[in-house]
Amino acid sequence: MYKELLWVFTQLPDDYIVLDTETTGLPDENGLPDIVTLGITVVRQREIAKSVEFETRPHKPISEEAQSIHGISNEQAANFESFESQWNQIAEYLKNQLAIIHNSSFDWPILLDHVERYDLEMPGIQGVFCSQKAAIPWAEAMDLKSSSRGPSLDTLTKELGVEDLRAHKDGVHGAASDSKQAARVIEVMRRSGNIE
């Protein structure tokens, strides 16, 4: 199973957070998209402790494509609280943690953009780890379908036999459930990478 290619997952700390966002769309000529929901799953001693989701009111309209992915309409999002009003709560989860993100090159710049845009302060963190990039060598050796960013969360979920949380929601993405899904996949990869 090419366990040696999962070694990096065995080096992760026992405590970390997994972060995911659902947004108004993709980056375009008008810049980065707005966050619509932000999910954080807290892992303690290699076990999922809790998952939370913050619904944040975007300023940009949600594209039809994005709405088809996460199922949140512009009308719904208009009633969410502002990002900046919830930042202190979000920052508490980030403080002194390793933030793991499946496709960090998408989510992390958007989060930093919001922090800068609203003149907020980012707490000190241990670092950012991209589980998608880290899985590339193993996925390639296993001949799994991958993009240039790495294997999708769906691909890893299926290959590793992890329960698919999206299946309970007709395939709809959610920031909290996707961060929880990623945490489950990461822990299976960690266990699979232990060579005895």
N, C-alpha and C. Protein backbone atom coordinates (compact mmCIF):
# COMPACT_ATOMS: atom_id res chain seq x y z
N MET A 1 0.83 -1.22 0.00
CA MET A 1 0.00 0.00 0.00
C MET A 1 0.86 1.27 0.00
N TYR A 2 2.16 1.13 -0.21
CA TYR A 2 3.06 2.29 -0.24
C TYR A 2 2.98 3.11 1.06
N LYS A 3 2.97 2.39 2.17
CA LYS A 3 2.85 3.06 3.48
C LYS A 3 3.90 4.14 3.68
N GLU A 4 5.09 3.88 3.14
CA GLU A 4 6.19 4.83 3.35
C GLU A 4 5.88 6.21 2.78
N LEU A 5 4.97 6.28 1.80
CA LEU A 5 4.62 7.56 1.20
C LEU A 5 3.60 8.34 2.05
N LEU A 6 3.11 7.71 3.09
CA LEU A 6 2.20 8.38 4.02
C LEU A 6 2.93 8.82 5.30
N TRP A 7 4.25 8.70 5.29
CA TRP A 7 5.05 9.00 6.48
C TRP A 7 4.76 10.39 7.04
N VAL A 8 4.59 11.38 6.16
CA VAL A 8 4.39 12.75 6.63
C VAL A 8 3.15 12.85 7.53
N PHE A 9 2.14 12.04 7.27
CA PHE A 9 0.93 12.08 8.10
C PHE A 9 1.20 11.53 9.50
N THR A 10 2.16 10.62 9.62
CA THR A 10 2.48 10.08 10.94
C THR A 10 3.21 11.10 11.80
N GLN A 11 3.72 12.16 11.17
CA GLN A 11 4.47 13.19 11.90
C GLN A 11 3.59 14.33 12.41
N LEU A 12 2.32 14.29 12.08
CA LEU A 12 1.41 15.35 12.55
C LEU A 12 1.25 15.27 14.06
N PRO A 13 1.01 16.42 14.70
CA PRO A 13 0.80 16.40 16.15
C PRO A 13 -0.52 15.71 16.50
N ASP A 14 -0.67 15.34 17.75
CA ASP A 14 -1.91 14.68 18.18
C ASP A 14 -3.07 15.65 18.26
N ASP A 15 -2.77 16.94 18.41
CA ASP A 15 -3.79 17.99 18.50
C ASP A 15 -3.63 18.96 17.35
N TYR A 16 -4.71 19.25 16.64
CA TYR A 16 -4.69 20.21 15.54
C TYR A 16 -6.13 20.57 15.18
N ILE A 17 -6.28 21.50 14.26
CA ILE A 17 -7.62 21.81 13.75
C ILE A 17 -7.62 21.59 12.24
N VAL A 18 -8.79 21.26 11.71
CA VAL A 18 -8.98 21.17 10.26
C VAL A 18 -9.96 22.27 9.88
N LEU A 19 -9.58 23.06 8.89
CA LEU A 19 -10.38 24.22 8.48
C LEU A 19 -10.88 24.03 7.05
N ASP A 20 -12.10 24.47 6.80
CA ASP A 20 -12.66 24.42 5.44
C ASP A 20 -13.58 25.63 5.26
N THR A 21 -13.67 26.10 4.03
CA THR A 21 -14.61 27.19 3.73
C THR A 21 -15.49 26.82 2.55
N GLU A 22 -16.68 27.39 2.54
CA GLU A 22 -17.52 27.43 1.35
C GLU A 22 -17.63 28.91 1.00
N THR A 23 -17.54 29.23 -0.28
CA THR A 23 -17.40 30.62 -0.69
C THR A 23 -18.43 31.03 -1.74
N THR A 24 -18.32 32.28 -2.15
CA THR A 24 -19.23 32.81 -3.19
C THR A 24 -18.84 32.33 -4.57
N GLY A 25 -17.68 31.71 -4.71
CA GLY A 25 -17.23 31.23 -6.02
C GLY A 25 -15.73 31.08 -6.05
N LEU A 26 -15.17 31.25 -7.23
CA LEU A 26 -13.73 31.14 -7.43
C LEU A 26 -13.11 32.52 -7.58
N PRO A 27 -11.79 32.65 -7.39
CA PRO A 27 -11.13 33.93 -7.66
C PRO A 27 -11.36 34.35 -9.11
N ASP A 28 -11.56 35.65 -9.32
CA ASP A 28 -11.76 36.16 -10.68
C ASP A 28 -11.14 37.55 -10.80
N GLU A 29 -11.52 38.27 -11.85
CA GLU A 29 -10.92 39.59 -12.08
C GLU A 29 -11.24 40.57 -10.95
N ASN A 30 -12.26 40.27 -10.15
CA ASN A 30 -12.61 41.13 -9.01
C ASN A 30 -11.94 40.70 -7.71
N GLY A 31 -11.03 39.74 -7.82
CA GLY A 31 -10.29 39.31 -6.63
C GLY A 31 -10.79 38.00 -6.07
N LEU A 32 -10.49 37.79 -4.79
CA LEU A 32 -10.86 36.55 -4.12
C LEU A 32 -12.34 36.54 -3.76
N PRO A 33 -12.95 35.37 -3.68
CA PRO A 33 -14.36 35.30 -3.29
C PRO A 33 -14.54 35.58 -1.80
N ASP A 34 -15.79 35.73 -1.40
CA ASP A 34 -16.13 35.92 0.01
C ASP A 34 -16.44 34.57 0.65
N ILE A 35 -16.18 34.48 1.93
CA ILE A 35 -16.52 33.28 2.70
C ILE A 35 -18.01 33.32 3.02
N VAL A 36 -18.68 32.21 2.79
CA VAL A 36 -20.09 32.07 3.15
C VAL A 36 -20.23 31.24 4.43
N THR A 37 -19.48 30.15 4.50
CA THR A 37 -19.40 29.38 5.75
C THR A 37 -17.95 28.98 5.99
N LEU A 38 -17.57 28.93 7.25
CA LEU A 38 -16.23 28.50 7.66
C LEU A 38 -16.39 27.42 8.70
N GLY A 39 -15.82 26.25 8.43
CA GLY A 39 -15.93 25.13 9.36
C GLY A 39 -14.60 24.81 9.99
N ILE A 40 -14.64 24.45 11.25
CA ILE A 40 -13.43 24.04 11.97
C ILE A 40 -13.74 22.76 12.74
N THR A 41 -12.91 21.75 12.51
CA THR A 41 -12.99 20.53 13.31
C THR A 41 -11.77 20.47 14.21
N VAL A 42 -12.02 20.29 15.48
CA VAL A 42 -10.96 20.25 16.49
C VAL A 42 -10.60 18.79 16.75
N VAL A 43 -9.32 18.45 16.59
CA VAL A 43 -8.83 17.10 16.87
C VAL A 43 -7.94 17.17 18.11
N ARG A 44 -8.27 16.32 19.08
CA ARG A 44 -7.50 16.25 20.32
C ARG A 44 -7.12 14.79 20.56
N GLN A 45 -5.83 14.55 20.77
CA GLN A 45 -5.33 13.18 20.98
C GLN A 45 -5.79 12.25 19.86
N ARG A 46 -5.72 12.78 18.63
CA ARG A 46 -6.04 12.03 17.41
C ARG A 46 -7.51 11.64 17.29
N GLU A 47 -8.36 12.25 18.10
CA GLU A 47 -9.80 11.99 18.03
C GLU A 47 -10.53 13.31 17.76
N ILE A 48 -11.61 13.22 17.01
CA ILE A 48 -12.41 14.43 16.73
C ILE A 48 -13.14 14.84 18.00
N ALA A 49 -12.86 16.05 18.46
CA ALA A 49 -13.46 16.56 19.69
C ALA A 49 -14.76 17.32 19.40
N LYS A 50 -14.73 18.14 18.34
CA LYS A 50 -15.93 18.90 17.98
C LYS A 50 -15.77 19.51 16.60
N SER A 51 -16.90 19.83 15.98
CA SER A 51 -16.92 20.55 14.72
C SER A 51 -17.87 21.73 14.86
N VAL A 52 -17.44 22.89 14.37
CA VAL A 52 -18.27 24.09 14.43
C VAL A 52 -18.32 24.73 13.05
N GLU A 53 -19.38 25.47 12.81
CA GLU A 53 -19.51 26.15 11.53
C GLU A 53 -19.97 27.59 11.77
N PHE A 54 -19.30 28.52 11.10
CA PHE A 54 -19.65 29.94 11.18
C PHE A 54 -20.25 30.35 9.84
N GLU A 55 -21.47 30.85 9.88
CA GLU A 55 -22.14 31.36 8.67
C GLU A 55 -21.87 32.86 8.59
N THR A 56 -21.22 33.30 7.51
CA THR A 56 -20.83 34.70 7.42
C THR A 56 -21.44 35.36 6.19
N ARG A 57 -21.96 36.54 6.39
CA ARG A 57 -22.66 37.27 5.32
C ARG A 57 -21.66 37.80 4.29
N PRO A 58 -21.75 37.35 3.05
CA PRO A 58 -20.81 37.83 2.03
C PRO A 58 -21.25 39.16 1.44
N HIS A 59 -20.30 39.90 0.88
CA HIS A 59 -20.62 41.14 0.18
C HIS A 59 -20.79 40.87 -1.32
N LYS A 60 -20.08 39.85 -1.81
CA LYS A 60 -20.20 39.49 -3.22
C LYS A 60 -21.36 38.50 -3.39
N PRO A 61 -22.00 38.50 -4.54
CA PRO A 61 -23.08 37.53 -4.76
C PRO A 61 -22.52 36.11 -4.91
N ILE A 62 -23.29 35.14 -4.49
CA ILE A 62 -22.91 33.74 -4.62
C ILE A 62 -23.19 33.30 -6.06
N SER A 63 -22.19 32.75 -6.73
CA SER A 63 -22.37 32.30 -8.11
C SER A 63 -23.29 31.08 -8.15
N GLU A 64 -23.88 30.86 -9.30
CA GLU A 64 -24.76 29.69 -9.45
C GLU A 64 -23.98 28.40 -9.22
N GLU A 65 -22.74 28.35 -9.71
CA GLU A 65 -21.93 27.15 -9.53
C GLU A 65 -21.65 26.89 -8.05
N ALA A 66 -21.28 27.95 -7.33
CA ALA A 66 -21.00 27.79 -5.90
C ALA A 66 -22.26 27.36 -5.15
N GLN A 67 -23.40 27.95 -5.52
CA GLN A 67 -24.66 27.58 -4.86
C GLN A 67 -24.99 26.11 -5.10
N SER A 68 -24.67 25.62 -6.29
CA SER A 68 -24.95 24.20 -6.60
C SER A 68 -24.06 23.27 -5.78
N ILE A 69 -22.90 23.78 -5.33
CA ILE A 69 -21.97 22.97 -4.53
C ILE A 69 -22.39 22.94 -3.06
N HIS A 70 -22.65 24.12 -2.49
CA HIS A 70 -22.95 24.15 -1.04
C HIS A 70 -24.42 24.39 -0.70
N GLY A 71 -25.24 24.69 -1.69
CA GLY A 71 -26.68 24.78 -1.46
C GLY A 71 -27.16 26.01 -0.71
N ILE A 72 -26.30 27.04 -0.59
CA ILE A 72 -26.69 28.25 0.14
C ILE A 72 -27.02 29.35 -0.87
N SER A 73 -28.21 29.92 -0.75
CA SER A 73 -28.65 30.96 -1.67
C SER A 73 -28.23 32.34 -1.18
N ASN A 74 -28.28 33.32 -2.08
CA ASN A 74 -27.98 34.70 -1.68
C ASN A 74 -28.97 35.20 -0.64
N GLU A 75 -30.23 34.76 -0.75
CA GLU A 75 -31.27 35.18 0.21
C GLU A 75 -30.94 34.65 1.61
N GLN A 76 -30.51 33.39 1.68
CA GLN A 76 -30.13 32.82 2.98
C GLN A 76 -28.92 33.55 3.55
N ALA A 77 -27.91 33.74 2.72
CA ALA A 77 -26.66 34.33 3.19
C ALA A 77 -26.82 35.77 3.65
N ALA A 78 -27.82 36.46 3.12
CA ALA A 78 -28.07 37.85 3.51
C ALA A 78 -28.44 37.96 4.99
N ASN A 79 -28.90 36.86 5.57
CA ASN A 79 -29.31 36.87 6.98
C ASN A 79 -28.20 36.40 7.93
N PHE A 80 -27.04 36.02 7.37
CA PHE A 80 -25.92 35.58 8.21
C PHE A 80 -25.28 36.79 8.89
N GLU A 81 -24.56 36.53 9.97
CA GLU A 81 -23.83 37.59 10.67
C GLU A 81 -22.56 37.94 9.89
N SER A 82 -22.04 39.13 10.12
CA SER A 82 -20.83 39.57 9.41
C SER A 82 -19.63 38.73 9.85
N PHE A 83 -18.65 38.64 8.96
CA PHE A 83 -17.42 37.91 9.27
C PHE A 83 -16.71 38.53 10.46
N GLU A 84 -16.59 39.85 10.43
CA GLU A 84 -15.80 40.52 11.48
C GLU A 84 -16.44 40.38 12.87
N SER A 85 -17.77 40.29 12.93
CA SER A 85 -18.44 40.14 14.23
C SER A 85 -18.19 38.76 14.84
N GLN A 86 -17.77 37.80 14.02
CA GLN A 86 -17.53 36.43 14.51
C GLN A 86 -16.04 36.10 14.60
N TRP A 87 -15.20 37.05 14.19
CA TRP A 87 -13.78 36.76 14.10
C TRP A 87 -13.16 36.34 15.42
N ASN A 88 -13.52 36.98 16.52
CA ASN A 88 -12.90 36.62 17.81
C ASN A 88 -13.13 35.16 18.15
N GLN A 89 -14.32 34.65 17.85
CA GLN A 89 -14.62 33.24 18.10
C GLN A 89 -13.77 32.34 17.19
N ILE A 90 -13.70 32.71 15.91
CA ILE A 90 -12.91 31.93 14.95
C ILE A 90 -11.44 31.92 15.36
N ALA A 91 -10.93 33.10 15.73
CA ALA A 91 -9.52 33.25 16.09
C ALA A 91 -9.15 32.39 17.30
N GLU A 92 -10.08 32.22 18.22
CA GLU A 92 -9.82 31.39 19.40
C GLU A 92 -9.52 29.95 19.01
N TYR A 93 -10.21 29.45 17.98
CA TYR A 93 -9.95 28.09 17.50
C TYR A 93 -8.60 27.97 16.82
N LEU A 94 -8.17 29.06 16.17
CA LEU A 94 -6.91 29.04 15.43
C LEU A 94 -5.68 29.18 16.33
N LYS A 95 -5.85 29.88 17.44
CA LYS A 95 -4.72 30.28 18.28
C LYS A 95 -3.84 29.10 18.70
N ASN A 96 -2.54 29.21 18.38
CA ASN A 96 -1.52 28.21 18.76
C ASN A 96 -1.75 26.83 18.17
N GLN A 97 -2.54 26.74 17.10
CA GLN A 97 -2.85 25.45 16.50
C GLN A 97 -2.14 25.27 15.16
N LEU A 98 -1.95 24.00 14.78
CA LEU A 98 -1.61 23.68 13.40
C LEU A 98 -2.94 23.62 12.66
N ALA A 99 -3.06 24.40 11.59
CA ALA A 99 -4.28 24.40 10.78
C ALA A 99 -4.05 23.49 9.57
N ILE A 100 -4.83 22.42 9.50
CA ILE A 100 -4.75 21.52 8.35
C ILE A 100 -5.92 21.85 7.42
N ILE A 101 -5.61 21.99 6.14
CA ILE A 101 -6.62 22.35 5.14
C ILE A 101 -6.42 21.45 3.92
N HIS A 102 -7.51 20.87 3.44
CA HIS A 102 -7.42 20.09 2.21
C HIS A 102 -7.61 21.08 1.06
N ASN A 103 -6.51 21.44 0.43
CA ASN A 103 -6.40 22.49 -0.59
C ASN A 103 -6.20 23.85 0.07
N SER A 104 -5.12 23.95 0.82
CA SER A 104 -4.83 25.19 1.54
C SER A 104 -4.54 26.36 0.61
N SER A 105 -4.11 26.08 -0.62
CA SER A 105 -3.82 27.17 -1.55
C SER A 105 -5.09 27.92 -1.96
N PHE A 106 -6.24 27.33 -1.71
CA PHE A 106 -7.52 28.01 -1.96
C PHE A 106 -8.02 28.71 -0.69
N ASP A 107 -8.21 27.95 0.37
CA ASP A 107 -8.87 28.48 1.57
C ASP A 107 -8.04 29.49 2.36
N TRP A 108 -6.75 29.22 2.52
CA TRP A 108 -5.94 30.07 3.40
C TRP A 108 -5.81 31.50 2.89
N PRO A 109 -5.49 31.73 1.60
CA PRO A 109 -5.41 33.12 1.12
C PRO A 109 -6.74 33.87 1.27
N ILE A 110 -7.85 33.15 1.13
CA ILE A 110 -9.16 33.80 1.28
C ILE A 110 -9.36 34.24 2.73
N LEU A 111 -8.98 33.37 3.66
CA LEU A 111 -9.10 33.73 5.08
C LEU A 111 -8.20 34.93 5.40
N LEU A 112 -6.96 34.91 4.92
CA LEU A 112 -6.04 36.03 5.17
C LEU A 112 -6.57 37.32 4.54
N ASP A 113 -7.19 37.21 3.37
CA ASP A 113 -7.77 38.36 2.70
C ASP A 113 -8.88 38.99 3.56
N HIS A 114 -9.70 38.15 4.19
CA HIS A 114 -10.76 38.66 5.05
C HIS A 114 -10.19 39.35 6.28
N VAL A 115 -9.15 38.75 6.86
CA VAL A 115 -8.51 39.34 8.05
C VAL A 115 -7.96 40.73 7.70
N GLU A 116 -7.32 40.83 6.54
CA GLU A 116 -6.76 42.12 6.12
C GLU A 116 -7.86 43.10 5.74
N ARG A 117 -8.84 42.63 5.02
CA ARG A 117 -9.93 43.49 4.53
C ARG A 117 -10.67 44.18 5.68
N TYR A 118 -10.89 43.44 6.76
CA TYR A 118 -11.65 44.00 7.89
C TYR A 118 -10.74 44.51 9.00
N ASP A 119 -9.44 44.61 8.71
CA ASP A 119 -8.47 45.14 9.66
C ASP A 119 -8.51 44.38 10.98
N LEU A 120 -8.47 43.06 10.87
CA LEU A 120 -8.50 42.18 12.04
C LEU A 120 -7.09 41.68 12.33
N GLU A 121 -6.93 40.99 13.43
CA GLU A 121 -5.61 40.49 13.81
C GLU A 121 -5.61 38.97 13.79
N MET A 122 -4.68 38.38 13.04
CA MET A 122 -4.53 36.93 13.00
C MET A 122 -3.75 36.47 14.22
N PRO A 123 -4.28 35.49 14.96
CA PRO A 123 -3.54 35.00 16.13
C PRO A 123 -2.32 34.20 15.69
N GLY A 124 -1.39 34.01 16.59
CA GLY A 124 -0.24 33.18 16.29
C GLY A 124 -0.67 31.72 16.13
N ILE A 125 -0.23 31.08 15.07
CA ILE A 125 -0.56 29.68 14.84
C ILE A 125 0.74 28.89 14.66
N GLN A 126 0.64 27.56 14.73
CA GLN A 126 1.84 26.72 14.57
C GLN A 126 2.23 26.60 13.10
N GLY A 127 1.26 26.72 12.21
CA GLY A 127 1.54 26.60 10.79
C GLY A 127 0.32 26.12 10.04
N VAL A 128 0.47 25.98 8.72
CA VAL A 128 -0.60 25.49 7.85
C VAL A 128 -0.07 24.27 7.09
N PHE A 129 -0.84 23.20 7.11
CA PHE A 129 -0.45 21.95 6.45
C PHE A 129 -1.52 21.60 5.43
N CYS A 130 -1.11 21.37 4.19
CA CYS A 130 -2.06 21.02 3.13
C CYS A 130 -2.13 19.50 2.99
N SER A 131 -3.23 18.92 3.44
CA SER A 131 -3.37 17.46 3.37
C SER A 131 -3.51 16.98 1.92
N GLN A 132 -4.01 17.85 1.04
CA GLN A 132 -4.16 17.46 -0.36
C GLN A 132 -2.79 17.32 -1.03
N LYS A 133 -1.93 18.32 -0.85
CA LYS A 133 -0.57 18.26 -1.42
C LYS A 133 0.23 17.10 -0.81
N ALA A 134 0.09 16.92 0.50
CA ALA A 134 0.85 15.88 1.19
C ALA A 134 0.48 14.48 0.70
N ALA A 135 -0.73 14.33 0.18
CA ALA A 135 -1.21 13.02 -0.27
C ALA A 135 -0.80 12.69 -1.71
N ILE A 136 -0.20 13.65 -2.42
CA ILE A 136 0.11 13.45 -3.85
C ILE A 136 1.01 12.23 -4.10
N PRO A 137 2.16 12.08 -3.41
CA PRO A 137 3.03 10.93 -3.74
C PRO A 137 2.31 9.59 -3.58
N TRP A 138 1.55 9.45 -2.50
CA TRP A 138 0.82 8.20 -2.26
C TRP A 138 -0.26 7.99 -3.30
N ALA A 139 -1.01 9.05 -3.61
CA ALA A 139 -2.09 8.94 -4.60
C ALA A 139 -1.54 8.56 -5.98
N GLU A 140 -0.41 9.15 -6.34
CA GLU A 140 0.20 8.82 -7.64
C GLU A 140 0.67 7.37 -7.67
N ALA A 141 1.29 6.92 -6.58
CA ALA A 141 1.75 5.53 -6.52
C ALA A 141 0.58 4.55 -6.57
N MET A 142 -0.55 4.95 -6.00
CA MET A 142 -1.75 4.12 -5.98
C MET A 142 -2.57 4.27 -7.27
N ASP A 143 -2.10 5.13 -8.17
CA ASP A 143 -2.78 5.39 -9.44
C ASP A 143 -4.20 5.93 -9.23
N LEU A 144 -4.34 6.81 -8.22
CA LEU A 144 -5.64 7.43 -7.95
C LEU A 144 -5.82 8.67 -8.80
N LYS A 145 -7.06 8.97 -9.09
CA LYS A 145 -7.38 10.18 -9.85
C LYS A 145 -6.98 11.41 -9.03
N SER A 146 -6.22 12.31 -9.66
CA SER A 146 -5.75 13.52 -8.96
C SER A 146 -5.71 14.69 -9.94
N SER A 147 -5.89 15.87 -9.39
CA SER A 147 -5.63 17.08 -10.17
C SER A 147 -4.21 17.53 -9.86
N SER A 148 -3.79 18.66 -10.40
CA SER A 148 -2.46 19.18 -10.09
C SER A 148 -2.34 19.55 -8.62
N ARG A 149 -3.47 19.79 -7.96
CA ARG A 149 -3.47 20.13 -6.52
C ARG A 149 -3.35 18.89 -5.65
N GLY A 150 -3.66 17.71 -6.23
CA GLY A 150 -3.63 16.48 -5.46
C GLY A 150 -4.98 15.78 -5.52
N PRO A 151 -5.10 14.66 -4.79
CA PRO A 151 -6.36 13.91 -4.79
C PRO A 151 -7.46 14.65 -4.03
N SER A 152 -8.67 14.56 -4.55
CA SER A 152 -9.79 15.23 -3.88
C SER A 152 -10.15 14.50 -2.59
N LEU A 153 -10.88 15.18 -1.74
CA LEU A 153 -11.35 14.58 -0.50
C LEU A 153 -12.26 13.40 -0.81
N ASP A 154 -13.09 13.52 -1.85
CA ASP A 154 -13.97 12.42 -2.25
C ASP A 154 -13.17 11.19 -2.65
N THR A 155 -12.10 11.40 -3.43
CA THR A 155 -11.27 10.28 -3.88
C THR A 155 -10.63 9.56 -2.70
N LEU A 156 -10.06 10.32 -1.76
CA LEU A 156 -9.43 9.72 -0.59
C LEU A 156 -10.45 9.02 0.30
N THR A 157 -11.61 9.63 0.46
CA THR A 157 -12.67 9.03 1.28
C THR A 157 -13.03 7.64 0.75
N LYS A 158 -13.22 7.57 -0.56
CA LYS A 158 -13.60 6.31 -1.19
C LYS A 158 -12.48 5.28 -1.10
N GLU A 159 -11.26 5.69 -1.44
CA GLU A 159 -10.13 4.75 -1.47
C GLU A 159 -9.83 4.19 -0.09
N LEU A 160 -9.97 5.02 0.95
CA LEU A 160 -9.62 4.60 2.31
C LEU A 160 -10.78 3.97 3.06
N GLY A 161 -11.95 3.94 2.42
CA GLY A 161 -13.11 3.31 3.06
C GLY A 161 -13.65 4.09 4.25
N VAL A 162 -13.51 5.42 4.19
CA VAL A 162 -14.02 6.29 5.27
C VAL A 162 -15.48 6.62 4.97
N GLU A 163 -16.29 6.68 6.01
CA GLU A 163 -17.71 7.02 5.83
C GLU A 163 -17.83 8.37 5.12
N ASP A 164 -18.67 8.44 4.10
CA ASP A 164 -18.84 9.66 3.32
C ASP A 164 -19.96 10.52 3.93
N LEU A 165 -19.58 11.58 4.63
CA LEU A 165 -20.56 12.43 5.29
C LEU A 165 -21.42 13.20 4.28
N ARG A 166 -20.87 13.48 3.09
CA ARG A 166 -21.64 14.19 2.07
C ARG A 166 -22.81 13.34 1.57
N ALA A 167 -22.66 12.03 1.64
CA ALA A 167 -23.71 11.13 1.15
C ALA A 167 -24.99 11.31 1.95
N HIS A 168 -24.86 11.75 3.21
CA HIS A 168 -26.04 11.98 4.06
C HIS A 168 -26.77 13.26 3.67
N LYS A 169 -26.10 14.09 2.86
CA LYS A 169 -26.67 15.39 2.47
C LYS A 169 -26.79 15.51 0.95
N ASP A 170 -27.03 14.38 0.28
CA ASP A 170 -27.18 14.35 -1.18
C ASP A 170 -25.97 14.95 -1.91
N GLY A 171 -24.79 14.77 -1.35
CA GLY A 171 -23.57 15.24 -2.00
C GLY A 171 -23.25 16.70 -1.79
N VAL A 172 -24.09 17.41 -1.04
CA VAL A 172 -23.88 18.84 -0.80
C VAL A 172 -22.69 19.04 0.13
N HIS A 173 -21.84 20.00 -0.23
CA HIS A 173 -20.67 20.34 0.58
C HIS A 173 -21.11 21.21 1.77
N GLY A 174 -20.43 21.04 2.89
CA GLY A 174 -20.63 21.91 4.04
C GLY A 174 -19.29 22.13 4.71
N ALA A 175 -19.03 23.33 5.18
CA ALA A 175 -17.71 23.64 5.74
C ALA A 175 -17.41 22.79 6.98
N ALA A 176 -18.39 22.64 7.87
CA ALA A 176 -18.16 21.85 9.08
C ALA A 176 -18.03 20.37 8.74
N SER A 177 -18.96 19.85 7.93
CA SER A 177 -18.92 18.42 7.60
C SER A 177 -17.71 18.08 6.75
N ASP A 178 -17.29 18.98 5.86
CA ASP A 178 -16.10 18.71 5.05
C ASP A 178 -14.82 18.75 5.89
N SER A 179 -14.77 19.65 6.87
CA SER A 179 -13.59 19.68 7.75
C SER A 179 -13.55 18.40 8.60
N LYS A 180 -14.72 17.93 9.01
CA LYS A 180 -14.78 16.68 9.78
C LYS A 180 -14.38 15.49 8.90
N GLN A 181 -14.85 15.50 7.65
CA GLN A 181 -14.48 14.45 6.70
C GLN A 181 -12.97 14.41 6.50
N ALA A 182 -12.38 15.58 6.32
CA ALA A 182 -10.93 15.66 6.14
C ALA A 182 -10.19 15.13 7.36
N ALA A 183 -10.68 15.47 8.55
CA ALA A 183 -10.04 14.99 9.78
C ALA A 183 -10.08 13.46 9.85
N ARG A 184 -11.20 12.87 9.47
CA ARG A 184 -11.31 11.40 9.48
C ARG A 184 -10.33 10.79 8.49
N VAL A 185 -10.23 11.36 7.31
CA VAL A 185 -9.32 10.86 6.28
C VAL A 185 -7.87 10.99 6.75
N ILE A 186 -7.53 12.12 7.34
CA ILE A 186 -6.17 12.36 7.82
C ILE A 186 -5.77 11.32 8.86
N GLU A 187 -6.68 11.02 9.78
CA GLU A 187 -6.35 10.05 10.84
C GLU A 187 -6.21 8.63 10.28
N VAL A 188 -6.98 8.28 9.26
CA VAL A 188 -6.82 6.97 8.61
C VAL A 188 -5.48 6.92 7.89
N MET A 189 -5.09 8.02 7.24
CA MET A 189 -3.80 8.07 6.55
C MET A 189 -2.66 7.99 7.56
N ARG A 190 -2.84 8.62 8.71
CA ARG A 190 -1.81 8.56 9.76
C ARG A 190 -1.61 7.11 10.21
N ARG A 191 -2.73 6.41 10.48
CA ARG A 191 -2.63 5.02 10.92
C ARG A 191 -2.06 4.12 9.83
N SER A 192 -2.46 4.39 8.59
CA SER A 192 -1.98 3.58 7.46
C SER A 192 -0.49 3.78 7.23
N GLY A 193 0.03 4.96 7.60
CA GLY A 193 1.43 5.27 7.36
C GLY A 193 2.39 4.70 8.38
N ASN A 194 1.85 4.16 9.48
CA ASN A 194 2.71 3.59 10.50
C ASN A 194 3.26 2.25 10.03
N ILE A 195 4.56 2.19 9.80
CA ILE A 195 5.21 0.96 9.33
C ILE A 195 5.75 0.23 10.55
N GLU A 196 5.27 -0.98 10.74
CA GLU A 196 5.69 -1.74 11.93
C GLU A 196 6.57 -2.90 11.53
